[in-house]
Amino acid sequence: MRKLKKIADETTQDINNVLTNPLTEEQVDKISEIVENAVIRGLLEGQHRAVDAARRCAEHDDEEAKRYAEAIRHENDVLIANLSSLR
């Protein structure tokens, strides 16, 4: 969770370093939130792909495929909840 927040903060700092005029503190906060949300959307896309891959790998056993998919979703839900609580 802190790692995703760190990614968002580092990306915001990288953006700030490219700009001619540094961001205000308010802009830094808003951009950091935008980056965090983009990271979460990317994480969710990765989750969807992982679930699809798990289902393909376990297509011979529906119960096993469901367990894999549920485990992937649960881990990502916990991650996103914890990330959201860091705000």
Protein backbone atom coordinates (compact mmCIF):
# COMPACT_ATOMS: atom_id res chain seq x y z
CA MET A 1 0.00 0.00 0.00
CA ARG A 2 2.70 2.42 0.94
CA LYS A 3 4.55 1.34 -2.17
CA LEU A 4 1.69 2.54 -4.39
CA LYS A 5 1.55 5.83 -2.48
CA LYS A 6 5.32 6.13 -2.95
CA ILE A 7 4.93 5.51 -6.70
CA ALA A 8 2.30 8.25 -6.88
CA ASP A 9 4.45 10.69 -4.89
CA GLU A 10 7.59 9.94 -6.94
CA THR A 11 5.66 10.35 -10.19
CA THR A 12 4.26 13.66 -8.99
CA GLN A 13 7.77 14.80 -8.12
CA ASP A 14 9.01 13.71 -11.56
CA ILE A 15 6.23 15.75 -13.17
CA ASN A 16 7.15 18.73 -11.00
CA ASN A 17 10.81 18.44 -12.03
CA VAL A 18 9.88 18.67 -15.71
CA LEU A 19 7.82 21.82 -15.31
CA THR A 20 9.31 25.28 -15.81
CA ASN A 21 7.34 26.65 -12.87
CA PRO A 22 7.11 24.38 -9.82
CA LEU A 23 3.69 23.22 -8.70
CA THR A 24 2.04 24.78 -5.71
CA GLU A 25 1.48 22.55 -2.69
CA GLU A 26 -2.23 22.36 -3.57
CA GLN A 27 -1.39 21.31 -7.13
CA VAL A 28 1.05 18.69 -5.83
CA ASP A 29 -1.70 17.18 -3.67
CA LYS A 30 -4.21 17.13 -6.53
CA ILE A 31 -1.77 15.65 -9.03
CA SER A 32 -0.65 13.04 -6.51
CA GLU A 33 -4.29 12.00 -6.08
CA ILE A 34 -4.74 11.81 -9.87
CA VAL A 35 -1.64 9.62 -10.13
CA GLU A 36 -2.84 7.39 -7.26
CA ASN A 37 -6.15 6.90 -9.03
CA ALA A 38 -4.35 6.02 -12.26
CA VAL A 39 -2.22 3.47 -10.37
CA ILE A 40 -5.38 1.94 -8.89
CA ARG A 41 -7.02 1.74 -12.33
CA GLY A 42 -3.88 0.04 -13.65
CA LEU A 43 -3.93 -2.36 -10.73
CA LEU A 44 -7.56 -3.23 -11.44
CA GLU A 45 -6.77 -3.86 -15.10
CA GLY A 46 -3.97 -6.18 -13.99
CA GLN A 47 -6.44 -7.93 -11.69
CA HIS A 48 -8.84 -8.53 -14.56
CA ARG A 49 -6.05 -10.01 -16.65
CA ALA A 50 -4.86 -12.20 -13.78
CA VAL A 51 -8.38 -13.49 -13.18
CA ASP A 52 -8.76 -14.27 -16.89
CA ALA A 53 -5.41 -16.09 -16.91
CA ALA A 54 -6.33 -18.08 -13.79
CA ARG A 55 -9.59 -19.12 -15.36
CA ARG A 56 -7.83 -20.23 -18.55
CA CYS A 57 -5.24 -22.20 -16.58
CA ALA A 58 -7.87 -23.92 -14.46
CA GLU A 59 -10.59 -24.29 -17.07
CA HIS A 60 -10.52 -28.03 -16.43
CA ASP A 61 -11.82 -27.41 -12.89
CA ASP A 62 -14.44 -24.70 -12.37
CA GLU A 63 -14.11 -24.74 -8.58
CA GLU A 64 -10.36 -24.27 -8.75
CA ALA A 65 -10.75 -21.44 -11.26
CA LYS A 66 -13.27 -19.74 -8.93
CA ARG A 67 -10.90 -20.09 -5.95
CA TYR A 68 -8.06 -18.51 -7.94
CA ALA A 69 -10.25 -15.65 -9.14
CA GLU A 70 -11.63 -15.00 -5.65
CA ALA A 71 -8.14 -15.01 -4.14
CA ILE A 72 -6.87 -12.51 -6.72
CA ARG A 73 -9.87 -10.24 -6.21
CA HIS A 74 -9.60 -10.44 -2.42
CA GLU A 75 -5.91 -9.50 -2.41
CA ASN A 76 -6.52 -6.53 -4.68
CA ASP A 77 -9.55 -5.39 -2.68
CA VAL A 78 -7.44 -5.39 0.49
CA LEU A 79 -4.67 -3.52 -1.30
CA ILE A 80 -7.01 -0.84 -2.61
CA ALA A 81 -8.76 -0.46 0.75
CA ASN A 82 -5.44 -0.01 2.49
CA LEU A 83 -4.22 2.45 -0.11
CA SER A 84 -7.42 4.47 0.23
CA SER A 85 -6.99 4.61 4.01
CA LEU A 86 -3.55 6.21 3.60
CA ARG A 87 -5.07 9.39 2.18
